[in-house]
């Protein structure tokens, strides 16, 4: 596992290999994969469930479609604001990760005087 992580971090350029750096990248990869798998699985299950040919599922499918058309942005505005703020927080943390990596590489490039 260690050679794989060393190769991954060496491909990113000059990068200090502290525990915190490993934790940040492992968390980033784990959360991203978990989000993608969970969302895809849920979407596929809904698709399979709503694609049934019986009468009641067709009625439910039409009801969901009509309710989706009747959504009002004002009604769900607060949810949209929260989603937007979470996206901004994600982008800020991503930027902070990049800045920390740059600071780390600059600090490690400074020559040490005895």
C-alpha atoms as a PDB file:
ATOM      1  CA  UNK A   1       0.000   0.000   0.000  1.00  0.00           C
ATOM      2  CA  UNK A   2       2.829   2.392   0.836  1.00  0.00           C
ATOM      3  CA  UNK A   3       4.452   2.212  -2.658  1.00  0.00           C
ATOM      4  CA  UNK A   4       1.075   2.932  -4.251  1.00  0.00           C
ATOM      5  CA  UNK A   5       0.552   5.990  -2.042  1.00  0.00           C
ATOM      6  CA  UNK A   6       4.118   7.158  -2.683  1.00  0.00           C
ATOM      7  CA  UNK A   7       3.545   6.861  -6.433  1.00  0.00           C
ATOM      8  CA  UNK A   8       0.243   8.750  -6.162  1.00  0.00           C
ATOM      9  CA  UNK A   9       1.748  11.608  -4.169  1.00  0.00           C
ATOM     10  CA  UNK A  10       4.891  11.748  -6.329  1.00  0.00           C
ATOM     11  CA  UNK A  11       2.662  12.170  -9.378  1.00  0.00           C
ATOM     12  CA  UNK A  12       1.204  15.301  -7.735  1.00  0.00           C
ATOM     13  CA  UNK A  13       4.580  17.002  -7.656  1.00  0.00           C
ATOM     14  CA  UNK A  14       6.451  18.162  -4.581  1.00  0.00           C
ATOM     15  CA  UNK A  15       4.287  17.105  -1.696  1.00  0.00           C
ATOM     16  CA  UNK A  16       5.122  16.533   1.931  1.00  0.00           C
ATOM     17  CA  UNK A  17       4.095  13.132   3.126  1.00  0.00           C
ATOM     18  CA  UNK A  18       2.637  13.794   6.537  1.00  0.00           C
ATOM     19  CA  UNK A  19      -0.169  11.841   8.132  1.00  0.00           C
ATOM     20  CA  UNK A  20      -2.507  14.795   7.616  1.00  0.00           C
ATOM     21  CA  UNK A  21      -1.815  14.805   3.866  1.00  0.00           C
ATOM     22  CA  UNK A  22      -2.594  11.098   3.617  1.00  0.00           C
ATOM     23  CA  UNK A  23      -5.748  11.601   5.661  1.00  0.00           C
ATOM     24  CA  UNK A  24      -6.944  14.495   3.482  1.00  0.00           C
ATOM     25  CA  UNK A  25      -6.464  12.631   0.230  1.00  0.00           C
ATOM     26  CA  UNK A  26      -7.891   9.364   1.567  1.00  0.00           C
ATOM     27  CA  UNK A  27     -10.951  11.212   2.881  1.00  0.00           C
ATOM     28  CA  UNK A  28     -11.378  13.027  -0.419  1.00  0.00           C
ATOM     29  CA  UNK A  29     -11.216   9.784  -2.412  1.00  0.00           C
ATOM     30  CA  UNK A  30     -13.461   7.846  -0.010  1.00  0.00           C
ATOM     31  CA  UNK A  31     -16.168  10.512   0.157  1.00  0.00           C
ATOM     32  CA  UNK A  32     -16.170  11.032  -3.613  1.00  0.00           C
ATOM     33  CA  UNK A  33     -16.449   7.321  -4.386  1.00  0.00           C
ATOM     34  CA  UNK A  34     -19.126   6.856  -1.715  1.00  0.00           C
ATOM     35  CA  UNK A  35     -21.171   9.769  -3.079  1.00  0.00           C
ATOM     36  CA  UNK A  36     -20.988   8.537  -6.674  1.00  0.00           C
ATOM     37  CA  UNK A  37     -21.822   4.917  -5.817  1.00  0.00           C
ATOM     38  CA  UNK A  38     -24.692   5.818  -3.484  1.00  0.00           C
ATOM     39  CA  UNK A  39     -26.233   8.305  -5.903  1.00  0.00           C
ATOM     40  CA  UNK A  40     -25.926   5.971  -8.887  1.00  0.00           C
ATOM     41  CA  UNK A  41     -27.375   3.038  -6.936  1.00  0.00           C
ATOM     42  CA  UNK A  42     -30.336   5.091  -5.717  1.00  0.00           C
ATOM     43  CA  UNK A  43     -31.040   6.530  -9.179  1.00  0.00           C
ATOM     44  CA  UNK A  44     -30.874   3.057 -10.738  1.00  0.00           C
ATOM     45  CA  UNK A  45     -33.239   1.601  -8.133  1.00  0.00           C
ATOM     46  CA  UNK A  46     -35.773   4.398  -8.752  1.00  0.00           C
ATOM     47  CA  UNK A  47     -35.454   3.927 -12.499  1.00  0.00           C
ATOM     48  CA  UNK A  48     -36.057   0.169 -12.250  1.00  0.00           C
ATOM     49  CA  UNK A  49     -38.939   0.639  -9.819  1.00  0.00           C
ATOM     50  CA  UNK A  50     -40.668   3.320 -11.895  1.00  0.00           C
ATOM     51  CA  UNK A  51     -40.175   1.491 -15.199  1.00  0.00           C
ATOM     52  CA  UNK A  52     -42.614  -1.297 -14.278  1.00  0.00           C
ATOM     53  CA  UNK A  53     -45.493  -1.764 -16.719  1.00  0.00           C
ATOM     54  CA  UNK A  54     -48.385  -2.252 -14.271  1.00  0.00           C
ATOM     55  CA  UNK A  55     -51.210   0.269 -14.007  1.00  0.00           C
ATOM     56  CA  UNK A  56     -50.425   1.616 -10.528  1.00  0.00           C
ATOM     57  CA  UNK A  57     -46.760   2.218 -11.220  1.00  0.00           C
ATOM     58  CA  UNK A  58     -47.730   4.113 -14.374  1.00  0.00           C
ATOM     59  CA  UNK A  59     -50.129   6.222 -12.302  1.00  0.00           C
ATOM     60  CA  UNK A  60     -47.372   6.895  -9.757  1.00  0.00           C
ATOM     61  CA  UNK A  61     -44.939   7.783 -12.550  1.00  0.00           C
ATOM     62  CA  UNK A  62     -47.430  10.293 -13.990  1.00  0.00           C
ATOM     63  CA  UNK A  63     -48.105  11.728 -10.524  1.00  0.00           C
ATOM     64  CA  UNK A  64     -44.379  12.222  -9.884  1.00  0.00           C
ATOM     65  CA  UNK A  65     -44.018  13.893 -13.279  1.00  0.00           C
ATOM     66  CA  UNK A  66     -46.921  16.285 -12.649  1.00  0.00           C
ATOM     67  CA  UNK A  67     -45.669  17.126  -9.138  1.00  0.00           C
ATOM     68  CA  UNK A  68     -42.234  17.798 -10.581  1.00  0.00           C
ATOM     69  CA  UNK A  69     -43.785  20.262 -13.024  1.00  0.00           C
ATOM     70  CA  UNK A  70     -45.690  21.978 -10.210  1.00  0.00           C
ATOM     71  CA  UNK A  71     -42.641  22.586  -8.014  1.00  0.00           C
ATOM     72  CA  UNK A  72     -42.196  26.153  -7.005  1.00  0.00           C
ATOM     73  CA  UNK A  73     -38.707  27.515  -6.525  1.00  0.00           C
ATOM     74  CA  UNK A  74     -39.904  29.719  -3.650  1.00  0.00           C
ATOM     75  CA  UNK A  75     -41.231  26.680  -1.767  1.00  0.00           C
ATOM     76  CA  UNK A  76     -37.905  24.877  -1.953  1.00  0.00           C
ATOM     77  CA  UNK A  77     -35.773  28.007  -2.033  1.00  0.00           C
ATOM     78  CA  UNK A  78     -34.203  27.350   1.348  1.00  0.00           C
ATOM     79  CA  UNK A  79     -33.151  23.858   0.245  1.00  0.00           C
ATOM     80  CA  UNK A  80     -31.580  25.357  -2.864  1.00  0.00           C
ATOM     81  CA  UNK A  81     -29.738  27.922  -0.724  1.00  0.00           C
ATOM     82  CA  UNK A  82     -28.413  25.164   1.553  1.00  0.00           C
ATOM     83  CA  UNK A  83     -27.261  23.113  -1.453  1.00  0.00           C
ATOM     84  CA  UNK A  84     -25.543  26.182  -2.879  1.00  0.00           C
ATOM     85  CA  UNK A  85     -23.809  26.935   0.411  1.00  0.00           C
ATOM     86  CA  UNK A  86     -22.637  23.331   0.698  1.00  0.00           C
ATOM     87  CA  UNK A  87     -21.185  23.566  -2.812  1.00  0.00           C
ATOM     88  CA  UNK A  88     -19.382  26.788  -1.876  1.00  0.00           C
ATOM     89  CA  UNK A  89     -18.037  25.128   1.291  1.00  0.00           C
ATOM     90  CA  UNK A  90     -16.780  22.190  -0.794  1.00  0.00           C
ATOM     91  CA  UNK A  91     -15.012  24.526  -3.230  1.00  0.00           C
ATOM     92  CA  UNK A  92     -13.433  26.475  -0.362  1.00  0.00           C
ATOM     93  CA  UNK A  93     -12.140  23.271   1.255  1.00  0.00           C
ATOM     94  CA  UNK A  94     -10.804  22.099  -2.087  1.00  0.00           C
ATOM     95  CA  UNK A  95      -9.010  25.419  -2.563  1.00  0.00           C
ATOM     96  CA  UNK A  96      -7.653  25.244   0.998  1.00  0.00           C
ATOM     97  CA  UNK A  97      -6.298  21.771   0.207  1.00  0.00           C
ATOM     98  CA  UNK A  98      -4.450  23.134  -2.831  1.00  0.00           C
ATOM     99  CA  UNK A  99      -3.100  26.120  -0.879  1.00  0.00           C
ATOM    100  CA  UNK A 100      -1.887  23.870   1.955  1.00  0.00           C
ATOM    101  CA  UNK A 101      -0.081  21.693  -0.566  1.00  0.00           C
ATOM    102  CA  UNK A 102       1.585  24.732  -2.131  1.00  0.00           C
ATOM    103  CA  UNK A 103       2.610  26.110   1.263  1.00  0.00           C
ATOM    104  CA  UNK A 104       3.999  22.712   2.241  1.00  0.00           C
ATOM    105  CA  UNK A 105       6.080  22.472  -0.918  1.00  0.00           C
ATOM    106  CA  UNK A 106       7.411  26.021  -0.425  1.00  0.00           C
ATOM    107  CA  UNK A 107       8.317  25.385   3.213  1.00  0.00           C
ATOM    108  CA  UNK A 108      10.087  22.124   2.360  1.00  0.00           C
ATOM    109  CA  UNK A 109      12.052  23.812  -0.419  1.00  0.00           C
ATOM    110  CA  UNK A 110      13.589  26.373   1.970  1.00  0.00           C
ATOM    111  CA  UNK A 111      17.161  25.345   2.779  1.00  0.00           C
ATOM    112  CA  UNK A 112      17.754  24.390   6.396  1.00  0.00           C
ATOM    113  CA  UNK A 113      20.602  26.193   8.150  1.00  0.00           C
ATOM    114  CA  UNK A 114      22.393  24.369  10.963  1.00  0.00           C
END
